[in-house]
Amino acid sequence: MKGLFRVAFLMMGVFICSSSKGAEPWELLVKKADSLSTSNFSKCVEFCDSILPNINSTVSWKGVFTSIRGKAHYFKGNYDLAAKDYNEAVQILQKGNFKRELGFVFIDQAKLYRKIKMFPQAIETYAKADKIFRELKDESTLATVLNEWGVVYEFQNDFDKAIDFYTQSLKTRVKFNDSLGMAYSYSYIASASLNKNDFKKAEELGIRSLEIFEK
């Protein structure tokens, strides 16, 4: 009861705040839940569990909070619970018009598949995320998808294909002058090159990545 009271109080405050500042109340609650998902896993699960019963099952926000709870389970190491939440979130979001949120769930779901070495499923799910963010013309998120997708091939020792995906991501990072993204892409390509015994390229790109990180 105390947990539900706290959530009700929080939601009341959010609605009052949003009416004066023009912010969407659910978005503020999502922001709080998402911040907890990578910092206080148990509290995030408790927070989402308190909110979810108050959302109509047909409303897409239910899918969003379910996916955030799944992320908390993932970082806590509860992969079975994370998989269950991601699957449920996908089912809900596919029925609504939360296309971007669905794309992010696919990214998290693919990361889980990669973590537990279900590589074919990871590749299939990254492809779904890739399709969504291309349709949304969100090149920055697409670059993230390509980098993570490439890791799957590197784990399978298909280093040429991994480098191809990393290079596609790098082109977008360079286009937007995203120095941090470039540093990661260079490091990924260096890692795959090292595994190919291309030591010269691995050293060159590894140093370039390091220099950017140091700045």
C-alpha atoms as a PDB file:
ATOM      1  CA  MET A   1       0.000   0.000   0.000  1.00  0.00           C
ATOM      2  CA  LYS A   2       2.817   2.393   0.840  1.00  0.00           C
ATOM      3  CA  GLY A   3       4.387   1.822  -2.582  1.00  0.00           C
ATOM      4  CA  LEU A   4       1.112   2.457  -4.374  1.00  0.00           C
ATOM      5  CA  PHE A   5       0.521   5.578  -2.273  1.00  0.00           C
ATOM      6  CA  ARG A   6       3.958   6.928  -3.177  1.00  0.00           C
ATOM      7  CA  VAL A   7       3.326   6.314  -6.885  1.00  0.00           C
ATOM      8  CA  ALA A   8      -0.123   7.900  -6.705  1.00  0.00           C
ATOM      9  CA  PHE A   9       1.408  10.920  -4.977  1.00  0.00           C
ATOM     10  CA  LEU A  10       4.186  11.092  -7.558  1.00  0.00           C
ATOM     11  CA  MET A  11       1.722  10.826 -10.438  1.00  0.00           C
ATOM     12  CA  MET A  12      -0.430  13.573  -8.930  1.00  0.00           C
ATOM     13  CA  GLY A  13       2.641  15.792  -8.669  1.00  0.00           C
ATOM     14  CA  VAL A  14       3.677  14.965 -12.208  1.00  0.00           C
ATOM     15  CA  PHE A  15       0.254  15.857 -13.584  1.00  0.00           C
ATOM     16  CA  ILE A  16       0.265  19.174 -11.702  1.00  0.00           C
ATOM     17  CA  CYS A  17       3.783  19.917 -12.904  1.00  0.00           C
ATOM     18  CA  SER A  18       3.019  18.950 -16.486  1.00  0.00           C
ATOM     19  CA  SER A  19      -0.085  21.117 -16.652  1.00  0.00           C
ATOM     20  CA  SER A  20       1.996  24.163 -15.755  1.00  0.00           C
ATOM     21  CA  LYS A  21       5.046  23.377 -17.902  1.00  0.00           C
ATOM     22  CA  GLY A  22       3.477  21.584 -20.855  1.00  0.00           C
ATOM     23  CA  ALA A  23       5.377  18.310 -20.321  1.00  0.00           C
ATOM     24  CA  GLU A  24       3.760  14.942 -20.896  1.00  0.00           C
ATOM     25  CA  PRO A  25       3.172  13.266 -17.486  1.00  0.00           C
ATOM     26  CA  TRP A  26       3.901   9.735 -18.713  1.00  0.00           C
ATOM     27  CA  GLU A  27       7.161  10.905 -20.258  1.00  0.00           C
ATOM     28  CA  LEU A  28       8.331  12.230 -16.886  1.00  0.00           C
ATOM     29  CA  LEU A  29       7.525   8.920 -15.207  1.00  0.00           C
ATOM     30  CA  VAL A  30       9.311   7.046 -17.991  1.00  0.00           C
ATOM     31  CA  LYS A  31      12.369   9.257 -17.551  1.00  0.00           C
ATOM     32  CA  LYS A  32      12.469   8.433 -13.826  1.00  0.00           C
ATOM     33  CA  ALA A  33      12.011   4.701 -14.425  1.00  0.00           C
ATOM     34  CA  ASP A  34      14.637   4.615 -17.157  1.00  0.00           C
ATOM     35  CA  SER A  35      17.199   6.404 -14.974  1.00  0.00           C
ATOM     36  CA  LEU A  36      16.664   3.745 -12.290  1.00  0.00           C
ATOM     37  CA  SER A  37      16.975   0.860 -14.757  1.00  0.00           C
ATOM     38  CA  THR A  38      20.771   1.182 -14.936  1.00  0.00           C
ATOM     39  CA  SER A  39      21.466   2.492 -11.442  1.00  0.00           C
ATOM     40  CA  ASN A  40      19.070   0.863  -8.959  1.00  0.00           C
ATOM     41  CA  PHE A  41      17.671  -2.286 -10.559  1.00  0.00           C
ATOM     42  CA  SER A  42      15.454  -3.457  -7.704  1.00  0.00           C
ATOM     43  CA  LYS A  43      13.978  -0.001  -7.184  1.00  0.00           C
ATOM     44  CA  CYS A  44      13.258   0.267 -10.903  1.00  0.00           C
ATOM     45  CA  VAL A  45      11.385  -3.061 -10.894  1.00  0.00           C
ATOM     46  CA  GLU A  46       9.401  -1.957  -7.839  1.00  0.00           C
ATOM     47  CA  PHE A  47       8.638   1.409  -9.453  1.00  0.00           C
ATOM     48  CA  CYS A  48       7.412  -0.179 -12.700  1.00  0.00           C
ATOM     49  CA  ASP A  49       5.423  -2.818 -10.794  1.00  0.00           C
ATOM     50  CA  SER A  50       3.615  -0.013  -8.969  1.00  0.00           C
ATOM     51  CA  ILE A  51       2.738   1.848 -12.162  1.00  0.00           C
ATOM     52  CA  LEU A  52       1.854  -0.970 -14.566  1.00  0.00           C
ATOM     53  CA  PRO A  53      -1.425  -2.068 -12.872  1.00  0.00           C
ATOM     54  CA  ASN A  54      -2.724   1.486 -13.319  1.00  0.00           C
ATOM     55  CA  ILE A  55      -2.261   1.466 -17.109  1.00  0.00           C
ATOM     56  CA  ASN A  56      -4.845   0.007 -19.480  1.00  0.00           C
ATOM     57  CA  SER A  57      -3.392  -3.115 -21.119  1.00  0.00           C
ATOM     58  CA  THR A  58      -4.093  -1.710 -24.595  1.00  0.00           C
ATOM     59  CA  VAL A  59      -2.166   1.506 -23.972  1.00  0.00           C
ATOM     60  CA  SER A  60       1.347   1.661 -25.427  1.00  0.00           C
ATOM     61  CA  TRP A  61       2.769   3.204 -22.259  1.00  0.00           C
ATOM     62  CA  LYS A  62       2.309  -0.234 -20.682  1.00  0.00           C
ATOM     63  CA  GLY A  63       4.746  -1.578 -23.261  1.00  0.00           C
ATOM     64  CA  VAL A  64       7.240   1.164 -22.469  1.00  0.00           C
ATOM     65  CA  PHE A  65       7.260   0.513 -18.710  1.00  0.00           C
ATOM     66  CA  THR A  66       7.376  -3.236 -19.299  1.00  0.00           C
ATOM     67  CA  SER A  67      10.471  -2.826 -21.484  1.00  0.00           C
ATOM     68  CA  ILE A  68      12.145  -0.620 -18.860  1.00  0.00           C
ATOM     69  CA  ARG A  69      11.469  -3.250 -16.223  1.00  0.00           C
ATOM     70  CA  GLY A  70      13.012  -5.772 -18.614  1.00  0.00           C
ATOM     71  CA  LYS A  71      16.117  -3.614 -18.881  1.00  0.00           C
ATOM     72  CA  ALA A  72      16.435  -3.546 -15.074  1.00  0.00           C
ATOM     73  CA  HIS A  73      16.117  -7.343 -14.997  1.00  0.00           C
ATOM     74  CA  TYR A  74      18.810  -7.560 -17.705  1.00  0.00           C
ATOM     75  CA  PHE A  75      21.324  -5.455 -15.789  1.00  0.00           C
ATOM     76  CA  LYS A  76      20.494  -7.386 -12.635  1.00  0.00           C
ATOM     77  CA  GLY A  77      21.345 -10.622 -14.482  1.00  0.00           C
ATOM     78  CA  ASN A  78      17.796 -12.002 -14.466  1.00  0.00           C
ATOM     79  CA  TYR A  79      17.805 -12.878 -18.158  1.00  0.00           C
ATOM     80  CA  ASP A  80      14.674 -15.053 -18.118  1.00  0.00           C
ATOM     81  CA  LEU A  81      12.623 -12.230 -16.620  1.00  0.00           C
ATOM     82  CA  ALA A  82      14.182  -9.734 -19.026  1.00  0.00           C
ATOM     83  CA  ALA A  83      13.272 -11.930 -22.009  1.00  0.00           C
ATOM     84  CA  LYS A  84       9.687 -12.257 -20.753  1.00  0.00           C
ATOM     85  CA  ASP A  85       9.319  -8.487 -20.359  1.00  0.00           C
ATOM     86  CA  TYR A  86      10.870  -7.693 -23.739  1.00  0.00           C
ATOM     87  CA  ASN A  87       8.562 -10.156 -25.490  1.00  0.00           C
ATOM     88  CA  GLU A  88       5.520  -8.689 -23.748  1.00  0.00           C
ATOM     89  CA  ALA A  89       6.621  -5.131 -24.533  1.00  0.00           C
ATOM     90  CA  VAL A  90       7.053  -5.983 -28.216  1.00  0.00           C
ATOM     91  CA  GLN A  91       3.550  -7.486 -28.377  1.00  0.00           C
ATOM     92  CA  ILE A  92       2.028  -4.348 -26.846  1.00  0.00           C
ATOM     93  CA  LEU A  93       4.034  -1.789 -28.819  1.00  0.00           C
ATOM     94  CA  GLN A  94       3.428  -3.515 -32.157  1.00  0.00           C
ATOM     95  CA  LYS A  95      -0.286  -2.831 -31.684  1.00  0.00           C
ATOM     96  CA  GLY A  96       0.232   0.884 -31.052  1.00  0.00           C
ATOM     97  CA  ASN A  97       2.028   3.702 -32.807  1.00  0.00           C
ATOM     98  CA  PHE A  98       5.094   3.887 -30.553  1.00  0.00           C
ATOM     99  CA  LYS A  99       7.432   3.000 -33.398  1.00  0.00           C
ATOM    100  CA  ARG A 100      10.577   4.545 -31.925  1.00  0.00           C
ATOM    101  CA  GLU A 101      10.007   2.881 -28.546  1.00  0.00           C
ATOM    102  CA  LEU A 102       9.507  -0.465 -30.317  1.00  0.00           C
ATOM    103  CA  GLY A 103      12.832   0.041 -32.073  1.00  0.00           C
ATOM    104  CA  PHE A 104      14.594   0.584 -28.750  1.00  0.00           C
ATOM    105  CA  VAL A 105      13.017  -2.570 -27.308  1.00  0.00           C
ATOM    106  CA  PHE A 106      14.371  -4.502 -30.304  1.00  0.00           C
ATOM    107  CA  ILE A 107      17.850  -3.115 -29.554  1.00  0.00           C
ATOM    108  CA  ASP A 108      17.627  -4.227 -25.909  1.00  0.00           C
ATOM    109  CA  GLN A 109      16.159  -7.589 -26.898  1.00  0.00           C
ATOM    110  CA  ALA A 110      18.929  -8.182 -29.442  1.00  0.00           C
ATOM    111  CA  LYS A 111      21.531  -7.277 -26.823  1.00  0.00           C
ATOM    112  CA  LEU A 112      20.043  -9.922 -24.528  1.00  0.00           C
ATOM    113  CA  TYR A 113      20.172 -12.540 -27.301  1.00  0.00           C
ATOM    114  CA  ARG A 114      23.799 -11.594 -27.940  1.00  0.00           C
ATOM    115  CA  LYS A 115      24.610 -11.865 -24.227  1.00  0.00           C
ATOM    116  CA  ILE A 116      23.224 -15.403 -23.970  1.00  0.00           C
ATOM    117  CA  LYS A 117      24.834 -16.362 -27.303  1.00  0.00           C
ATOM    118  CA  MET A 118      21.596 -16.760 -29.281  1.00  0.00           C
ATOM    119  CA  PHE A 119      23.313 -15.191 -32.283  1.00  0.00           C
ATOM    120  CA  PRO A 120      20.761 -15.962 -35.062  1.00  0.00           C
ATOM    121  CA  GLN A 121      18.008 -14.404 -32.927  1.00  0.00           C
ATOM    122  CA  ALA A 122      20.213 -11.394 -32.185  1.00  0.00           C
ATOM    123  CA  ILE A 123      20.875 -10.835 -35.897  1.00  0.00           C
ATOM    124  CA  GLU A 124      17.179 -11.152 -36.734  1.00  0.00           C
ATOM    125  CA  THR A 125      16.220  -8.666 -34.009  1.00  0.00           C
ATOM    126  CA  TYR A 126      18.900  -6.120 -34.921  1.00  0.00           C
ATOM    127  CA  ALA A 127      17.520  -6.283 -38.472  1.00  0.00           C
ATOM    128  CA  LYS A 128      14.091  -5.307 -37.123  1.00  0.00           C
ATOM    129  CA  ALA A 129      15.585  -2.348 -35.246  1.00  0.00           C
ATOM    130  CA  ASP A 130      17.584  -1.378 -38.341  1.00  0.00           C
ATOM    131  CA  LYS A 131      14.390  -1.285 -40.438  1.00  0.00           C
ATOM    132  CA  ILE A 132      12.553   0.927 -37.949  1.00  0.00           C
ATOM    133  CA  PHE A 133      15.302   3.513 -37.533  1.00  0.00           C
ATOM    134  CA  ARG A 134      15.876   3.698 -41.286  1.00  0.00           C
ATOM    135  CA  GLU A 135      12.175   4.409 -41.730  1.00  0.00           C
ATOM    136  CA  LEU A 136      12.388   7.066 -39.007  1.00  0.00           C
ATOM    137  CA  LYS A 137      15.551   8.476 -40.651  1.00  0.00           C
ATOM    138  CA  ASP A 138      17.241   8.382 -37.234  1.00  0.00           C
ATOM    139  CA  GLU A 139      20.827   7.986 -38.407  1.00  0.00           C
ATOM    140  CA  SER A 140      22.378   8.405 -34.973  1.00  0.00           C
ATOM    141  CA  THR A 141      20.473   5.508 -33.414  1.00  0.00           C
ATOM    142  CA  LEU A 142      20.968   3.502 -36.596  1.00  0.00           C
ATOM    143  CA  ALA A 143      24.738   3.909 -36.155  1.00  0.00           C
ATOM    144  CA  THR A 144      24.409   2.409 -32.671  1.00  0.00           C
ATOM    145  CA  VAL A 145      22.433  -0.516 -34.078  1.00  0.00           C
ATOM    146  CA  LEU A 146      25.114  -1.168 -36.697  1.00  0.00           C
ATOM    147  CA  ASN A 147      27.913  -1.161 -34.113  1.00  0.00           C
ATOM    148  CA  GLU A 148      26.074  -3.555 -31.814  1.00  0.00           C
ATOM    149  CA  TRP A 149      25.077  -5.726 -34.767  1.00  0.00           C
ATOM    150  CA  GLY A 150      28.703  -5.956 -35.822  1.00  0.00           C
ATOM    151  CA  VAL A 151      29.652  -7.300 -32.384  1.00  0.00           C
ATOM    152  CA  VAL A 152      27.454 -10.358 -33.041  1.00  0.00           C
ATOM    153  CA  TYR A 153      29.503 -11.221 -36.132  1.00  0.00           C
ATOM    154  CA  GLU A 154      32.754 -10.607 -34.269  1.00  0.00           C
ATOM    155  CA  PHE A 155      31.626 -13.056 -31.578  1.00  0.00           C
ATOM    156  CA  GLN A 156      31.113 -15.586 -34.371  1.00  0.00           C
ATOM    157  CA  ASN A 157      34.613 -14.901 -35.745  1.00  0.00           C
ATOM    158  CA  ASP A 158      33.222 -13.356 -38.934  1.00  0.00           C
ATOM    159  CA  PHE A 159      35.585 -10.405 -38.631  1.00  0.00           C
ATOM    160  CA  ASP A 160      35.186  -9.099 -42.187  1.00  0.00           C
ATOM    161  CA  LYS A 161      31.435  -8.767 -41.764  1.00  0.00           C
ATOM    162  CA  ALA A 162      31.895  -7.189 -38.336  1.00  0.00           C
ATOM    163  CA  ILE A 163      34.267  -4.595 -39.822  1.00  0.00           C
ATOM    164  CA  ASP A 164      31.731  -3.865 -42.562  1.00  0.00           C
ATOM    165  CA  PHE A 165      29.061  -3.022 -39.971  1.00  0.00           C
ATOM    166  CA  TYR A 166      31.491  -1.005 -37.832  1.00  0.00           C
ATOM    167  CA  THR A 167      32.587   0.960 -40.903  1.00  0.00           C
ATOM    168  CA  GLN A 168      28.982   1.762 -41.855  1.00  0.00           C
ATOM    169  CA  SER A 169      28.461   3.093 -38.336  1.00  0.00           C
ATOM    170  CA  LEU A 170      31.686   5.092 -38.486  1.00  0.00           C
ATOM    171  CA  LYS A 171      30.551   6.894 -41.654  1.00  0.00           C
ATOM    172  CA  THR A 172      27.516   8.232 -39.808  1.00  0.00           C
ATOM    173  CA  ARG A 173      29.596   9.245 -36.794  1.00  0.00           C
ATOM    174  CA  VAL A 174      31.969  11.168 -39.058  1.00  0.00           C
ATOM    175  CA  LYS A 175      29.029  12.760 -40.892  1.00  0.00           C
ATOM    176  CA  PHE A 176      27.678  14.210 -37.647  1.00  0.00           C
ATOM    177  CA  ASN A 177      31.118  14.895 -36.163  1.00  0.00           C
ATOM    178  CA  ASP A 178      30.255  12.591 -33.258  1.00  0.00           C
ATOM    179  CA  SER A 179      33.705  12.261 -31.712  1.00  0.00           C
ATOM    180  CA  LEU A 180      32.682   9.807 -28.972  1.00  0.00           C
ATOM    181  CA  GLY A 181      30.869   7.616 -31.492  1.00  0.00           C
ATOM    182  CA  MET A 182      33.911   7.752 -33.783  1.00  0.00           C
ATOM    183  CA  ALA A 183      36.165   6.664 -30.925  1.00  0.00           C
ATOM    184  CA  TYR A 184      33.988   3.620 -30.261  1.00  0.00           C
ATOM    185  CA  SER A 185      33.781   2.717 -33.952  1.00  0.00           C
ATOM    186  CA  TYR A 186      37.559   2.969 -34.373  1.00  0.00           C
ATOM    187  CA  SER A 187      38.056   0.767 -31.306  1.00  0.00           C
ATOM    188  CA  TYR A 188      35.618  -1.845 -32.638  1.00  0.00           C
ATOM    189  CA  ILE A 189      37.341  -1.931 -36.021  1.00  0.00           C
ATOM    190  CA  ALA A 190      40.714  -2.153 -34.272  1.00  0.00           C
ATOM    191  CA  SER A 191      39.500  -5.111 -32.202  1.00  0.00           C
ATOM    192  CA  ALA A 192      38.219  -6.999 -35.254  1.00  0.00           C
ATOM    193  CA  SER A 193      41.409  -6.188 -37.167  1.00  0.00           C
ATOM    194  CA  LEU A 194      43.496  -7.532 -34.296  1.00  0.00           C
ATOM    195  CA  ASN A 195      41.526 -10.786 -34.425  1.00  0.00           C
ATOM    196  CA  LYS A 196      42.339 -10.949 -38.150  1.00  0.00           C
ATOM    197  CA  ASN A 197      46.037 -10.536 -37.299  1.00  0.00           C
ATOM    198  CA  ASP A 198      46.046  -7.231 -39.168  1.00  0.00           C
ATOM    199  CA  PHE A 199      48.284  -5.719 -36.520  1.00  0.00           C
ATOM    200  CA  LYS A 200      49.193  -2.547 -38.397  1.00  0.00           C
ATOM    201  CA  LYS A 201      45.569  -1.516 -38.896  1.00  0.00           C
ATOM    202  CA  ALA A 202      44.644  -2.548 -35.344  1.00  0.00           C
ATOM    203  CA  GLU A 203      47.458  -0.415 -33.905  1.00  0.00           C
ATOM    204  CA  GLU A 204      46.689   2.591 -36.104  1.00  0.00           C
ATOM    205  CA  LEU A 205      42.959   2.642 -35.318  1.00  0.00           C
ATOM    206  CA  GLY A 206      43.497   1.723 -31.661  1.00  0.00           C
ATOM    207  CA  ILE A 207      45.769   4.757 -31.224  1.00  0.00           C
ATOM    208  CA  ARG A 208      43.297   6.975 -33.094  1.00  0.00           C
ATOM    209  CA  SER A 209      40.493   5.781 -30.803  1.00  0.00           C
ATOM    210  CA  LEU A 210      42.606   6.366 -27.708  1.00  0.00           C
ATOM    211  CA  GLU A 211      43.506   9.913 -28.797  1.00  0.00           C
ATOM    212  CA  ILE A 212      39.850  10.803 -29.261  1.00  0.00           C
ATOM    213  CA  PHE A 213      38.876   9.291 -25.891  1.00  0.00           C
ATOM    214  CA  GLU A 214      41.678  11.254 -24.193  1.00  0.00           C
ATOM    215  CA  LYS A 215      40.306  14.504 -25.638  1.00  0.00           C
END
